[in-house]
Amino acid sequence: MDLNENIGATLEALDPVKAKELAEAIAEVLDSKKAGDIKVIYVEDKTVIAEYFVICTGNSSTQVKALAGEVEYKIGLRGVEPYHIEGRDNGTWLVLDYSNVIVHIFGREAREFYNLDKLYED
């Protein structure tokens, strides 16, 4: 991808309608892989880091990693790659950063401890 294509893709990714579509597509992928308690939360009015958080729970460290892998693969097929992935080595909390959508895949205990749902929901 050349610089102009990259800039165009970045500008397209910043479109709020596309951010919502991306968040919903990610939620569908997570649901298809049996993620627990999936939430899509609009956070733009509470933080500058993203427009949406997609939060879910995996039942084991293996499932947490598998969920992240499936999101990365399926959303990648649509031509959208994460800018950064954090937590691949721990299996308790994995974050995929799609710039305007951030995906948090938690193990059960980590989700209860950090409680992002309560922090960011109305």
PDB file of N, CA and C in Angstrom:
ATOM      1  N   MET A   1       0.856  -1.171   0.000  1.00  0.00           N
ATOM      2  CA  MET A   1       0.000   0.000   0.000  1.00  0.00           C
ATOM      3  C   MET A   1       0.902   1.234   0.000  1.00  0.00           C
ATOM      4  N   ASP A   2       0.668   2.138  -0.922  1.00  0.00           N
ATOM      5  CA  ASP A   2       1.487   3.347  -0.957  1.00  0.00           C
ATOM      6  C   ASP A   2       0.927   4.386   0.021  1.00  0.00           C
ATOM      7  N   LEU A   3       1.645   5.485   0.192  1.00  0.00           N
ATOM      8  CA  LEU A   3       1.288   6.505   1.165  1.00  0.00           C
ATOM      9  C   LEU A   3      -0.108   7.070   0.935  1.00  0.00           C
ATOM     10  N   ASN A   4      -0.462   7.363  -0.314  1.00  0.00           N
ATOM     11  CA  ASN A   4      -1.788   7.919  -0.607  1.00  0.00           C
ATOM     12  C   ASN A   4      -2.902   6.943  -0.245  1.00  0.00           C
ATOM     13  N   GLU A   5      -2.701   5.664  -0.532  1.00  0.00           N
ATOM     14  CA  GLU A   5      -3.705   4.662  -0.173  1.00  0.00           C
ATOM     15  C   GLU A   5      -3.825   4.570   1.344  1.00  0.00           C
ATOM     16  N   ASN A   6      -2.685   4.620   2.043  1.00  0.00           N
ATOM     17  CA  ASN A   6      -2.689   4.539   3.495  1.00  0.00           C
ATOM     18  C   ASN A   6      -3.430   5.722   4.108  1.00  0.00           C
ATOM     19  N   ILE A   7      -3.189   6.930   3.594  1.00  0.00           N
ATOM     20  CA  ILE A   7      -3.884   8.111   4.084  1.00  0.00           C
ATOM     21  C   ILE A   7      -5.384   7.990   3.821  1.00  0.00           C
ATOM     22  N   GLY A   8      -5.750   7.545   2.636  1.00  0.00           N
ATOM     23  CA  GLY A   8      -7.165   7.359   2.313  1.00  0.00           C
ATOM     24  C   GLY A   8      -7.819   6.344   3.227  1.00  0.00           C
ATOM     25  N   ALA A   9      -7.131   5.248   3.497  1.00  0.00           N
ATOM     26  CA  ALA A   9      -7.677   4.232   4.389  1.00  0.00           C
ATOM     27  C   ALA A   9      -7.834   4.775   5.802  1.00  0.00           C
ATOM     28  N   THR A  10      -6.869   5.582   6.236  1.00  0.00           N
ATOM     29  CA  THR A  10      -6.949   6.167   7.567  1.00  0.00           C
ATOM     30  C   THR A  10      -8.116   7.143   7.651  1.00  0.00           C
ATOM     31  N   LEU A  11      -8.283   7.998   6.659  1.00  0.00           N
ATOM     32  CA  LEU A  11      -9.403   8.946   6.670  1.00  0.00           C
ATOM     33  C   LEU A  11     -10.732   8.217   6.628  1.00  0.00           C
ATOM     34  N   GLU A  12     -10.800   7.154   5.847  1.00  0.00           N
ATOM     35  CA  GLU A  12     -12.026   6.368   5.768  1.00  0.00           C
ATOM     36  C   GLU A  12     -12.332   5.734   7.119  1.00  0.00           C
ATOM     37  N   ALA A  13     -11.301   5.267   7.812  1.00  0.00           N
ATOM     38  CA  ALA A  13     -11.500   4.631   9.114  1.00  0.00           C
ATOM     39  C   ALA A  13     -12.016   5.622  10.159  1.00  0.00           C
ATOM     40  N   LEU A  14     -11.768   6.911   9.960  1.00  0.00           N
ATOM     41  CA  LEU A  14     -12.216   7.911  10.922  1.00  0.00           C
ATOM     42  C   LEU A  14     -13.679   8.294  10.745  1.00  0.00           C
ATOM     43  N   ASP A  15     -14.319   7.863   9.696  1.00  0.00           N
ATOM     44  CA  ASP A  15     -15.729   8.136   9.454  1.00  0.00           C
ATOM     45  C   ASP A  15     -16.558   7.502  10.577  1.00  0.00           C
ATOM     46  N   PRO A  16     -17.372   8.302  11.317  1.00  0.00           N
ATOM     47  CA  PRO A  16     -18.121   7.759  12.453  1.00  0.00           C
ATOM     48  C   PRO A  16     -19.095   6.653  12.076  1.00  0.00           C
ATOM     49  N   VAL A  17     -19.694   6.743  10.911  1.00  0.00           N
ATOM     50  CA  VAL A  17     -20.604   5.672  10.492  1.00  0.00           C
ATOM     51  C   VAL A  17     -19.824   4.373  10.327  1.00  0.00           C
ATOM     52  N   LYS A  18     -18.661   4.474   9.721  1.00  0.00           N
ATOM     53  CA  LYS A  18     -17.845   3.280   9.524  1.00  0.00           C
ATOM     54  C   LYS A  18     -17.344   2.733  10.857  1.00  0.00           C
ATOM     55  N   ALA A  19     -17.090   3.608  11.833  1.00  0.00           N
ATOM     56  CA  ALA A  19     -16.659   3.149  13.153  1.00  0.00           C
ATOM     57  C   ALA A  19     -17.743   2.287  13.782  1.00  0.00           C
ATOM     58  N   LYS A  20     -18.981   2.728  13.681  1.00  0.00           N
ATOM     59  CA  LYS A  20     -20.087   1.947  14.241  1.00  0.00           C
ATOM     60  C   LYS A  20     -20.233   0.621  13.504  1.00  0.00           C
ATOM     61  N   GLU A  21     -20.125   0.650  12.180  1.00  0.00           N
ATOM     62  CA  GLU A  21     -20.208  -0.581  11.388  1.00  0.00           C
ATOM     63  C   GLU A  21     -19.080  -1.545  11.768  1.00  0.00           C
ATOM     64  N   LEU A  22     -17.882  -1.003  11.956  1.00  0.00           N
ATOM     65  CA  LEU A  22     -16.747  -1.840  12.344  1.00  0.00           C
ATOM     66  C   LEU A  22     -16.990  -2.453  13.713  1.00  0.00           C
ATOM     67  N   ALA A  23     -17.446  -1.661  14.662  1.00  0.00           N
ATOM     68  CA  ALA A  23     -17.715  -2.177  16.009  1.00  0.00           C
ATOM     69  C   ALA A  23     -18.767  -3.285  15.972  1.00  0.00           C
ATOM     70  N   GLU A  24     -19.803  -3.084  15.190  1.00  0.00           N
ATOM     71  CA  GLU A  24     -20.859  -4.094  15.086  1.00  0.00           C
ATOM     72  C   GLU A  24     -20.352  -5.358  14.392  1.00  0.00           C
ATOM     73  N   ALA A  25     -19.507  -5.199  13.374  1.00  0.00           N
ATOM     74  CA  ALA A  25     -18.933  -6.360  12.683  1.00  0.00           C
ATOM     75  C   ALA A  25     -18.042  -7.154  13.629  1.00  0.00           C
ATOM     76  N   ILE A  26     -17.276  -6.455  14.439  1.00  0.00           N
ATOM     77  CA  ILE A  26     -16.415  -7.126  15.420  1.00  0.00           C
ATOM     78  C   ILE A  26     -17.263  -7.883  16.426  1.00  0.00           C
ATOM     79  N   ALA A  27     -18.342  -7.266  16.890  1.00  0.00           N
ATOM     80  CA  ALA A  27     -19.240  -7.935  17.836  1.00  0.00           C
ATOM     81  C   ALA A  27     -19.831  -9.207  17.233  1.00  0.00           C
ATOM     82  N   GLU A  28     -20.165  -9.164  15.953  1.00  0.00           N
ATOM     83  CA  GLU A  28     -20.703 -10.353  15.273  1.00  0.00           C
ATOM     84  C   GLU A  28     -19.663 -11.468  15.213  1.00  0.00           C
ATOM     85  N   VAL A  29     -18.421 -11.116  14.928  1.00  0.00           N
ATOM     86  CA  VAL A  29     -17.352 -12.118  14.899  1.00  0.00           C
ATOM     87  C   VAL A  29     -17.197 -12.745  16.284  1.00  0.00           C
ATOM     88  N   LEU A  30     -17.173 -11.915  17.307  1.00  0.00           N
ATOM     89  CA  LEU A  30     -17.035 -12.424  18.675  1.00  0.00           C
ATOM     90  C   LEU A  30     -18.203 -13.325  19.050  1.00  0.00           C
ATOM     91  N   ASP A  31     -19.407 -12.945  18.656  1.00  0.00           N
ATOM     92  CA  ASP A  31     -20.584 -13.754  18.944  1.00  0.00           C
ATOM     93  C   ASP A  31     -20.504 -15.114  18.249  1.00  0.00           C
ATOM     94  N   SER A  32     -20.011 -15.115  17.024  1.00  0.00           N
ATOM     95  CA  SER A  32     -19.906 -16.377  16.275  1.00  0.00           C
ATOM     96  C   SER A  32     -18.918 -17.348  16.919  1.00  0.00           C
ATOM     97  N   LYS A  33     -18.000 -16.825  17.717  1.00  0.00           N
ATOM     98  CA  LYS A  33     -17.011 -17.666  18.404  1.00  0.00           C
ATOM     99  C   LYS A  33     -17.355 -17.853  19.879  1.00  0.00           C
ATOM    100  N   LYS A  34     -18.599 -17.528  20.245  1.00  0.00           N
ATOM    101  CA  LYS A  34     -19.126 -17.781  21.593  1.00  0.00           C
ATOM    102  C   LYS A  34     -18.471 -16.951  22.699  1.00  0.00           C
ATOM    103  N   ALA A  35     -18.098 -15.712  22.376  1.00  0.00           N
ATOM    104  CA  ALA A  35     -17.619 -14.804  23.415  1.00  0.00           C
ATOM    105  C   ALA A  35     -18.774 -14.504  24.361  1.00  0.00           C
ATOM    106  N   GLY A  36     -18.459 -14.235  25.608  1.00  0.00           N
ATOM    107  CA  GLY A  36     -19.492 -13.944  26.580  1.00  0.00           C
ATOM    108  C   GLY A  36     -19.707 -12.452  26.788  1.00  0.00           C
ATOM    109  N   ASP A  37     -20.915 -12.090  27.133  1.00  0.00           N
ATOM    110  CA  ASP A  37     -21.295 -10.736  27.529  1.00  0.00           C
ATOM    111  C   ASP A  37     -20.672  -9.653  26.639  1.00  0.00           C
ATOM    112  N   ILE A  38     -20.985  -9.717  25.351  1.00  0.00           N
ATOM    113  CA  ILE A  38     -20.435  -8.769  24.366  1.00  0.00           C
ATOM    114  C   ILE A  38     -21.172  -7.442  24.479  1.00  0.00           C
ATOM    115  N   LYS A  39     -20.396  -6.371  24.562  1.00  0.00           N
ATOM    116  CA  LYS A  39     -20.985  -5.036  24.608  1.00  0.00           C
ATOM    117  C   LYS A  39     -20.264  -4.126  23.631  1.00  0.00           C
ATOM    118  N   VAL A  40     -21.045  -3.336  22.908  1.00  0.00           N
ATOM    119  CA  VAL A  40     -20.516  -2.277  22.053  1.00  0.00           C
ATOM    120  C   VAL A  40     -20.912  -0.978  22.733  1.00  0.00           C
ATOM    121  N   ILE A  41     -19.908  -0.206  23.154  1.00  0.00           N
ATOM    122  CA  ILE A  41     -20.165   0.998  23.939  1.00  0.00           C
ATOM    123  C   ILE A  41     -19.614   2.219  23.202  1.00  0.00           C
ATOM    124  N   TYR A  42     -20.468   3.207  23.003  1.00  0.00           N
ATOM    125  CA  TYR A  42     -20.052   4.477  22.412  1.00  0.00           C
ATOM    126  C   TYR A  42     -19.312   5.259  23.494  1.00  0.00           C
ATOM    127  N   VAL A  43     -18.045   5.591  23.248  1.00  0.00           N
ATOM    128  CA  VAL A  43     -17.221   6.229  24.278  1.00  0.00           C
ATOM    129  C   VAL A  43     -16.639   7.576  23.855  1.00  0.00           C
ATOM    130  N   GLU A  44     -16.954   8.038  22.650  1.00  0.00           N
ATOM    131  CA  GLU A  44     -16.317   9.247  22.134  1.00  0.00           C
ATOM    132  C   GLU A  44     -16.555  10.460  23.032  1.00  0.00           C
ATOM    133  N   ASP A  45     -17.694  10.507  23.699  1.00  0.00           N
ATOM    134  CA  ASP A  45     -17.972  11.642  24.575  1.00  0.00           C
ATOM    135  C   ASP A  45     -17.300  11.511  25.949  1.00  0.00           C
ATOM    136  N   LYS A  46     -16.609  10.389  26.189  1.00  0.00           N
ATOM    137  CA  LYS A  46     -15.948  10.161  27.473  1.00  0.00           C
ATOM    138  C   LYS A  46     -14.431  10.056  27.378  1.00  0.00           C
ATOM    139  N   THR A  47     -13.917   9.829  26.162  1.00  0.00           N
ATOM    140  CA  THR A  47     -12.472   9.663  25.979  1.00  0.00           C
ATOM    141  C   THR A  47     -12.092  10.070  24.562  1.00  0.00           C
ATOM    142  N   VAL A  48     -10.847  10.447  24.386  1.00  0.00           N
ATOM    143  CA  VAL A  48     -10.371  10.834  23.057  1.00  0.00           C
ATOM    144  C   VAL A  48      -9.707   9.664  22.329  1.00  0.00           C
ATOM    145  N   ILE A  49      -9.600   8.523  22.976  1.00  0.00           N
ATOM    146  CA  ILE A  49      -8.831   7.429  22.371  1.00  0.00           C
ATOM    147  C   ILE A  49      -9.615   6.614  21.340  1.00  0.00           C
ATOM    148  N   ALA A  50     -10.943   6.691  21.364  1.00  0.00           N
ATOM    149  CA  ALA A  50     -11.742   5.900  20.416  1.00  0.00           C
ATOM    150  C   ALA A  50     -13.179   6.404  20.394  1.00  0.00           C
ATOM    151  N   GLU A  51     -13.910   5.933  19.373  1.00  0.00           N
ATOM    152  CA  GLU A  51     -15.342   6.210  19.307  1.00  0.00           C
ATOM    153  C   GLU A  51     -16.146   5.097  19.976  1.00  0.00           C
ATOM    154  N   TYR A  52     -15.666   3.865  19.816  1.00  0.00           N
ATOM    155  CA  TYR A  52     -16.366   2.707  20.373  1.00  0.00           C
ATOM    156  C   TYR A  52     -15.389   1.774  21.062  1.00  0.00           C
ATOM    157  N   PHE A  53     -15.856   1.165  22.139  1.00  0.00           N
ATOM    158  CA  PHE A  53     -15.200   0.019  22.745  1.00  0.00           C
ATOM    159  C   PHE A  53     -16.084  -1.182  22.449  1.00  0.00           C
ATOM    160  N   VAL A  54     -15.467  -2.285  22.106  1.00  0.00           N
ATOM    161  CA  VAL A  54     -16.160  -3.564  22.053  1.00  0.00           C
ATOM    162  C   VAL A  54     -15.529  -4.394  23.165  1.00  0.00           C
ATOM    163  N   ILE A  55     -16.349  -4.838  24.099  1.00  0.00           N
ATOM    164  CA  ILE A  55     -15.863  -5.557  25.274  1.00  0.00           C
ATOM    165  C   ILE A  55     -16.538  -6.921  25.315  1.00  0.00           C
ATOM    166  N   CYS A  56     -15.747  -7.954  25.627  1.00  0.00           N
ATOM    167  CA  CYS A  56     -16.322  -9.288  25.773  1.00  0.00           C
ATOM    168  C   CYS A  56     -15.474 -10.109  26.741  1.00  0.00           C
ATOM    169  N   THR A  57     -15.978 -11.286  27.051  1.00  0.00           N
ATOM    170  CA  THR A  57     -15.304 -12.187  27.984  1.00  0.00           C
ATOM    171  C   THR A  57     -15.050 -13.530  27.316  1.00  0.00           C
ATOM    172  N   GLY A  58     -13.852 -14.050  27.535  1.00  0.00           N
ATOM    173  CA  GLY A  58     -13.515 -15.415  27.139  1.00  0.00           C
ATOM    174  C   GLY A  58     -13.484 -16.290  28.373  1.00  0.00           C
ATOM    175  N   ASN A  59     -13.793 -17.557  28.222  1.00  0.00           N
ATOM    176  CA  ASN A  59     -13.866 -18.472  29.372  1.00  0.00           C
ATOM    177  C   ASN A  59     -12.516 -19.013  29.807  1.00  0.00           C
ATOM    178  N   SER A  60     -11.495 -18.841  28.987  1.00  0.00           N
ATOM    179  CA  SER A  60     -10.157 -19.332  29.316  1.00  0.00           C
ATOM    180  C   SER A  60      -9.141 -18.487  28.555  1.00  0.00           C
ATOM    181  N   SER A  61      -7.879 -18.619  28.924  1.00  0.00           N
ATOM    182  CA  SER A  61      -6.842 -17.873  28.207  1.00  0.00           C
ATOM    183  C   SER A  61      -6.768 -18.327  26.750  1.00  0.00           C
ATOM    184  N   THR A  62      -7.051 -19.600  26.514  1.00  0.00           N
ATOM    185  CA  THR A  62      -7.062 -20.116  25.147  1.00  0.00           C
ATOM    186  C   THR A  62      -8.169 -19.457  24.338  1.00  0.00           C
ATOM    187  N   GLN A  63      -9.357 -19.327  24.923  1.00  0.00           N
ATOM    188  CA  GLN A  63     -10.455 -18.693  24.200  1.00  0.00           C
ATOM    189  C   GLN A  63     -10.195 -17.208  23.993  1.00  0.00           C
ATOM    190  N   VAL A  64      -9.610 -16.532  24.975  1.00  0.00           N
ATOM    191  CA  VAL A  64      -9.286 -15.106  24.818  1.00  0.00           C
ATOM    192  C   VAL A  64      -8.393 -14.919  23.595  1.00  0.00           C
ATOM    193  N   LYS A  65      -7.360 -15.741  23.480  1.00  0.00           N
ATOM    194  CA  LYS A  65      -6.446 -15.640  22.340  1.00  0.00           C
ATOM    195  C   LYS A  65      -7.139 -16.014  21.033  1.00  0.00           C
ATOM    196  N   ALA A  66      -7.986 -17.037  21.076  1.00  0.00           N
ATOM    197  CA  ALA A  66      -8.706 -17.460  19.872  1.00  0.00           C
ATOM    198  C   ALA A  66      -9.678 -16.384  19.395  1.00  0.00           C
ATOM    199  N   LEU A  67     -10.356 -15.730  20.329  1.00  0.00           N
ATOM    200  CA  LEU A  67     -11.279 -14.649  19.968  1.00  0.00           C
ATOM    201  C   LEU A  67     -10.533 -13.515  19.276  1.00  0.00           C
ATOM    202  N   ALA A  68      -9.399 -13.140  19.842  1.00  0.00           N
ATOM    203  CA  ALA A  68      -8.599 -12.065  19.234  1.00  0.00           C
ATOM    204  C   ALA A  68      -8.114 -12.471  17.851  1.00  0.00           C
ATOM    205  N   GLY A  69      -7.664 -13.700  17.720  1.00  0.00           N
ATOM    206  CA  GLY A  69      -7.198 -14.188  16.423  1.00  0.00           C
ATOM    207  C   GLY A  69      -8.295 -14.184  15.381  1.00  0.00           C
ATOM    208  N   GLU A  70      -9.492 -14.565  15.788  1.00  0.00           N
ATOM    209  CA  GLU A  70     -10.625 -14.600  14.855  1.00  0.00           C
ATOM    210  C   GLU A  70     -11.030 -13.195  14.426  1.00  0.00           C
ATOM    211  N   VAL A  71     -11.037 -12.256  15.370  1.00  0.00           N
ATOM    212  CA  VAL A  71     -11.357 -10.861  15.022  1.00  0.00           C
ATOM    213  C   VAL A  71     -10.319 -10.333  14.044  1.00  0.00           C
ATOM    214  N   GLU A  72      -9.056 -10.541  14.365  1.00  0.00           N
ATOM    215  CA  GLU A  72      -7.983 -10.048  13.492  1.00  0.00           C
ATOM    216  C   GLU A  72      -8.107 -10.648  12.091  1.00  0.00           C
ATOM    217  N   TYR A  73      -8.396 -11.933  12.015  1.00  0.00           N
ATOM    218  CA  TYR A  73      -8.509 -12.610  10.721  1.00  0.00           C
ATOM    219  C   TYR A  73      -9.739 -12.129   9.935  1.00  0.00           C
ATOM    220  N   LYS A  74     -10.912 -12.197  10.559  1.00  0.00           N
ATOM    221  CA  LYS A  74     -12.162 -11.880   9.847  1.00  0.00           C
ATOM    222  C   LYS A  74     -12.244 -10.399   9.465  1.00  0.00           C
ATOM    223  N   ILE A  75     -11.819  -9.520  10.340  1.00  0.00           N
ATOM    224  CA  ILE A  75     -11.852  -8.101  10.022  1.00  0.00           C
ATOM    225  C   ILE A  75     -10.747  -7.783   9.009  1.00  0.00           C
ATOM    226  N   GLY A  76      -9.654  -8.511   9.067  1.00  0.00           N
ATOM    227  CA  GLY A  76      -8.588  -8.362   8.081  1.00  0.00           C
ATOM    228  C   GLY A  76      -9.054  -8.722   6.678  1.00  0.00           C
ATOM    229  N   LEU A  77      -9.964  -9.685   6.572  1.00  0.00           N
ATOM    230  CA  LEU A  77     -10.529 -10.041   5.271  1.00  0.00           C
ATOM    231  C   LEU A  77     -11.292  -8.873   4.651  1.00  0.00           C
ATOM    232  N   ARG A  78     -11.748  -7.953   5.482  1.00  0.00           N
ATOM    233  CA  ARG A  78     -12.448  -6.749   5.019  1.00  0.00           C
ATOM    234  C   ARG A  78     -11.474  -5.622   4.690  1.00  0.00           C
ATOM    235  N   GLY A  79     -10.187  -5.909   4.845  1.00  0.00           N
ATOM    236  CA  GLY A  79      -9.166  -4.915   4.527  1.00  0.00           C
ATOM    237  C   GLY A  79      -8.845  -3.967   5.669  1.00  0.00           C
ATOM    238  N   VAL A  80      -9.242  -4.325   6.878  1.00  0.00           N
ATOM    239  CA  VAL A  80      -8.977  -3.473   8.042  1.00  0.00           C
ATOM    240  C   VAL A  80      -8.068  -4.235   8.990  1.00  0.00           C
ATOM    241  N   GLU A  81      -6.918  -3.665   9.265  1.00  0.00           N
ATOM    242  CA  GLU A  81      -5.941  -4.284  10.161  1.00  0.00           C
ATOM    243  C   GLU A  81      -5.833  -3.458  11.441  1.00  0.00           C
ATOM    244  N   PRO A  82      -5.589  -4.107  12.576  1.00  0.00           N
ATOM    245  CA  PRO A  82      -5.394  -3.339  13.810  1.00  0.00           C
ATOM    246  C   PRO A  82      -4.077  -2.569  13.755  1.00  0.00           C
ATOM    247  N   TYR A  83      -4.089  -1.379  14.368  1.00  0.00           N
ATOM    248  CA  TYR A  83      -2.865  -0.591  14.436  1.00  0.00           C
ATOM    249  C   TYR A  83      -1.911  -1.174  15.473  1.00  0.00           C
ATOM    250  N   HIS A  84      -2.477  -1.782  16.490  1.00  0.00           N
ATOM    251  CA  HIS A  84      -1.657  -2.344  17.560  1.00  0.00           C
ATOM    252  C   HIS A  84      -2.446  -3.429  18.276  1.00  0.00           C
ATOM    253  N   ILE A  85      -1.731  -4.429  18.745  1.00  0.00           N
ATOM    254  CA  ILE A  85      -2.335  -5.488  19.561  1.00  0.00           C
ATOM    255  C   ILE A  85      -1.493  -5.594  20.827  1.00  0.00           C
ATOM    256  N   GLU A  86      -2.150  -5.642  21.961  1.00  0.00           N
ATOM    257  CA  GLU A  86      -1.449  -5.729  23.236  1.00  0.00           C
ATOM    258  C   GLU A  86      -2.005  -6.897  24.041  1.00  0.00           C
ATOM    259  N   GLY A  87      -1.124  -7.628  24.724  1.00  0.00           N
ATOM    260  CA  GLY A  87      -1.547  -8.678  25.637  1.00  0.00           C
ATOM    261  C   GLY A  87      -1.536 -10.078  25.079  1.00  0.00           C
ATOM    262  N   ARG A  88      -0.934 -10.290  23.932  1.00  0.00           N
ATOM    263  CA  ARG A  88      -0.921 -11.637  23.341  1.00  0.00           C
ATOM    264  C   ARG A  88      -0.284 -12.681  24.255  1.00  0.00           C
ATOM    265  N   ASP A  89       0.612 -12.257  25.100  1.00  0.00           N
ATOM    266  CA  ASP A  89       1.356 -13.210  25.928  1.00  0.00           C
ATOM    267  C   ASP A  89       0.677 -13.576  27.234  1.00  0.00           C
ATOM    268  N   ASN A  90      -0.312 -12.772  27.664  1.00  0.00           N
ATOM    269  CA  ASN A  90      -0.847 -13.066  28.998  1.00  0.00           C
ATOM    270  C   ASN A  90      -2.161 -13.840  29.001  1.00  0.00           C
ATOM    271  N   GLY A  91      -3.017 -13.656  28.023  1.00  0.00           N
ATOM    272  CA  GLY A  91      -4.254 -14.424  27.938  1.00  0.00           C
ATOM    273  C   GLY A  91      -5.342 -14.003  28.911  1.00  0.00           C
ATOM    274  N   THR A  92      -5.107 -12.921  29.687  1.00  0.00           N
ATOM    275  CA  THR A  92      -6.144 -12.462  30.607  1.00  0.00           C
ATOM    276  C   THR A  92      -6.851 -11.208  30.109  1.00  0.00           C
ATOM    277  N   TRP A  93      -6.163 -10.426  29.263  1.00  0.00           N
ATOM    278  CA  TRP A  93      -6.763  -9.212  28.700  1.00  0.00           C
ATOM    279  C   TRP A  93      -6.023  -8.898  27.415  1.00  0.00           C
ATOM    280  N   LEU A  94      -6.718  -8.991  26.319  1.00  0.00           N
ATOM    281  CA  LEU A  94      -6.122  -8.726  25.011  1.00  0.00           C
ATOM    282  C   LEU A  94      -6.823  -7.533  24.392  1.00  0.00           C
ATOM    283  N   VAL A  95      -6.050  -6.601  23.844  1.00  0.00           N
ATOM    284  CA  VAL A  95      -6.598  -5.375  23.265  1.00  0.00           C
ATOM    285  C   VAL A  95      -6.193  -5.291  21.804  1.00  0.00           C
ATOM    286  N   LEU A  96      -7.179  -5.079  20.935  1.00  0.00           N
ATOM    287  CA  LEU A  96      -6.931  -4.825  19.520  1.00  0.00           C
ATOM    288  C   LEU A  96      -7.344  -3.387  19.243  1.00  0.00           C
ATOM    289  N   ASP A  97      -6.405  -2.592  18.772  1.00  0.00           N
ATOM    290  CA  ASP A  97      -6.639  -1.167  18.535  1.00  0.00           C
ATOM    291  C   ASP A  97      -6.864  -0.926  17.050  1.00  0.00           C
ATOM    292  N   TYR A  98      -8.097  -0.618  16.701  1.00  0.00           N
ATOM    293  CA  TYR A  98      -8.454  -0.275  15.328  1.00  0.00           C
ATOM    294  C   TYR A  98      -8.645   1.231  15.190  1.00  0.00           C
ATOM    295  N   SER A  99      -7.952   2.002  16.011  1.00  0.00           N
ATOM    296  CA  SER A  99      -7.974   3.458  16.026  1.00  0.00           C
ATOM    297  C   SER A  99      -9.295   3.987  16.572  1.00  0.00           C
ATOM    298  N   ASN A 100     -10.350   3.930  15.808  1.00  0.00           N
ATOM    299  CA  ASN A 100     -11.631   4.463  16.271  1.00  0.00           C
ATOM    300  C   ASN A 100     -12.476   3.420  17.007  1.00  0.00           C
ATOM    301  N   VAL A 101     -12.041   2.172  16.970  1.00  0.00           N
ATOM    302  CA  VAL A 101     -12.694   1.085  17.709  1.00  0.00           C
ATOM    303  C   VAL A 101     -11.603   0.305  18.446  1.00  0.00           C
ATOM    304  N   ILE A 102     -11.777   0.158  19.745  1.00  0.00           N
ATOM    305  CA  ILE A 102     -10.828  -0.618  20.533  1.00  0.00           C
ATOM    306  C   ILE A 102     -11.559  -1.823  21.098  1.00  0.00           C
ATOM    307  N   VAL A 103     -10.983  -2.993  20.871  1.00  0.00           N
ATOM    308  CA  VAL A 103     -11.582  -4.254  21.288  1.00  0.00           C
ATOM    309  C   VAL A 103     -10.861  -4.743  22.538  1.00  0.00           C
ATOM    310  N   HIS A 104     -11.631  -4.981  23.598  1.00  0.00           N
ATOM    311  CA  HIS A 104     -11.096  -5.501  24.858  1.00  0.00           C
ATOM    312  C   HIS A 104     -11.649  -6.913  25.032  1.00  0.00           C
ATOM    313  N   ILE A 105     -10.772  -7.889  25.038  1.00  0.00           N
ATOM    314  CA  ILE A 105     -11.182  -9.276  25.243  1.00  0.00           C
ATOM    315  C   ILE A 105     -10.579  -9.718  26.579  1.00  0.00           C
ATOM    316  N   PHE A 106     -11.446  -9.923  27.541  1.00  0.00           N
ATOM    317  CA  PHE A 106     -11.024 -10.228  28.905  1.00  0.00           C
ATOM    318  C   PHE A 106     -11.252 -11.684  29.262  1.00  0.00           C
ATOM    319  N   GLY A 107     -10.410 -12.186  30.173  1.00  0.00           N
ATOM    320  CA  GLY A 107     -10.758 -13.364  30.940  1.00  0.00           C
ATOM    321  C   GLY A 107     -11.776 -12.913  31.980  1.00  0.00           C
ATOM    322  N   ARG A 108     -12.499 -13.843  32.564  1.00  0.00           N
ATOM    323  CA  ARG A 108     -13.585 -13.492  33.490  1.00  0.00           C
ATOM    324  C   ARG A 108     -13.105 -12.639  34.675  1.00  0.00           C
ATOM    325  N   GLU A 109     -12.038 -13.045  35.332  1.00  0.00           N
ATOM    326  CA  GLU A 109     -11.558 -12.313  36.516  1.00  0.00           C
ATOM    327  C   GLU A 109     -11.075 -10.911  36.152  1.00  0.00           C
ATOM    328  N   ALA A 110     -10.363 -10.787  35.046  1.00  0.00           N
ATOM    329  CA  ALA A 110      -9.858  -9.474  34.627  1.00  0.00           C
ATOM    330  C   ALA A 110     -11.019  -8.538  34.297  1.00  0.00           C
ATOM    331  N   ARG A 111     -12.054  -9.065  33.675  1.00  0.00           N
ATOM    332  CA  ARG A 111     -13.203  -8.208  33.332  1.00  0.00           C
ATOM    333  C   ARG A 111     -13.879  -7.680  34.585  1.00  0.00           C
ATOM    334  N   GLU A 112     -14.044  -8.545  35.563  1.00  0.00           N
ATOM    335  CA  GLU A 112     -14.658  -8.111  36.815  1.00  0.00           C
ATOM    336  C   GLU A 112     -13.774  -7.099  37.534  1.00  0.00           C
ATOM    337  N   PHE A 113     -12.464  -7.305  37.517  1.00  0.00           N
ATOM    338  CA  PHE A 113     -11.542  -6.415  38.211  1.00  0.00           C
ATOM    339  C   PHE A 113     -11.504  -5.022  37.585  1.00  0.00           C
ATOM    340  N   TYR A 114     -11.326  -4.946  36.268  1.00  0.00           N
ATOM    341  CA  TYR A 114     -11.188  -3.649  35.603  1.00  0.00           C
ATOM    342  C   TYR A 114     -12.523  -2.954  35.365  1.00  0.00           C
ATOM    343  N   ASN A 115     -13.576  -3.709  35.180  1.00  0.00           N
ATOM    344  CA  ASN A 115     -14.948  -3.204  35.090  1.00  0.00           C
ATOM    345  C   ASN A 115     -15.092  -2.005  34.145  1.00  0.00           C
ATOM    346  N   LEU A 116     -14.549  -2.132  32.932  1.00  0.00           N
ATOM    347  CA  LEU A 116     -14.662  -1.049  31.956  1.00  0.00           C
ATOM    348  C   LEU A 116     -16.105  -0.733  31.595  1.00  0.00           C
ATOM    349  N   ASP A 117     -16.958  -1.739  31.663  1.00  0.00           N
ATOM    350  CA  ASP A 117     -18.385  -1.534  31.365  1.00  0.00           C
ATOM    351  C   ASP A 117     -18.937  -0.407  32.232  1.00  0.00           C
ATOM    352  N   LYS A 118     -18.698  -0.512  33.525  1.00  0.00           N
ATOM    353  CA  LYS A 118     -19.233   0.493  34.463  1.00  0.00           C
ATOM    354  C   LYS A 118     -18.572   1.847  34.242  1.00  0.00           C
ATOM    355  N   LEU A 119     -17.299   1.864  33.935  1.00  0.00           N
ATOM    356  CA  LEU A 119     -16.597   3.137  33.721  1.00  0.00           C
ATOM    357  C   LEU A 119     -17.124   3.910  32.524  1.00  0.00           C
ATOM    358  N   TYR A 120     -17.485   3.189  31.441  1.00  0.00           N
ATOM    359  CA  TYR A 120     -17.794   3.862  30.187  1.00  0.00           C
ATOM    360  C   TYR A 120     -19.262   3.847  29.783  1.00  0.00           C
ATOM    361  N   GLU A 121     -20.072   2.999  30.379  1.00  0.00           N
ATOM    362  CA  GLU A 121     -21.489   3.016  30.029  1.00  0.00           C
ATOM    363  C   GLU A 121     -22.187   4.161  30.742  1.00  0.00           C
ATOM    364  N   ASP A 122     -23.314   4.596  30.170  1.00  0.00           N
ATOM    365  CA  ASP A 122     -24.087   5.663  30.819  1.00  0.00           C
ATOM    366  C   ASP A 122     -24.771   5.141  32.055  1.00  0.00           C
TER     367      ASP A 122
END
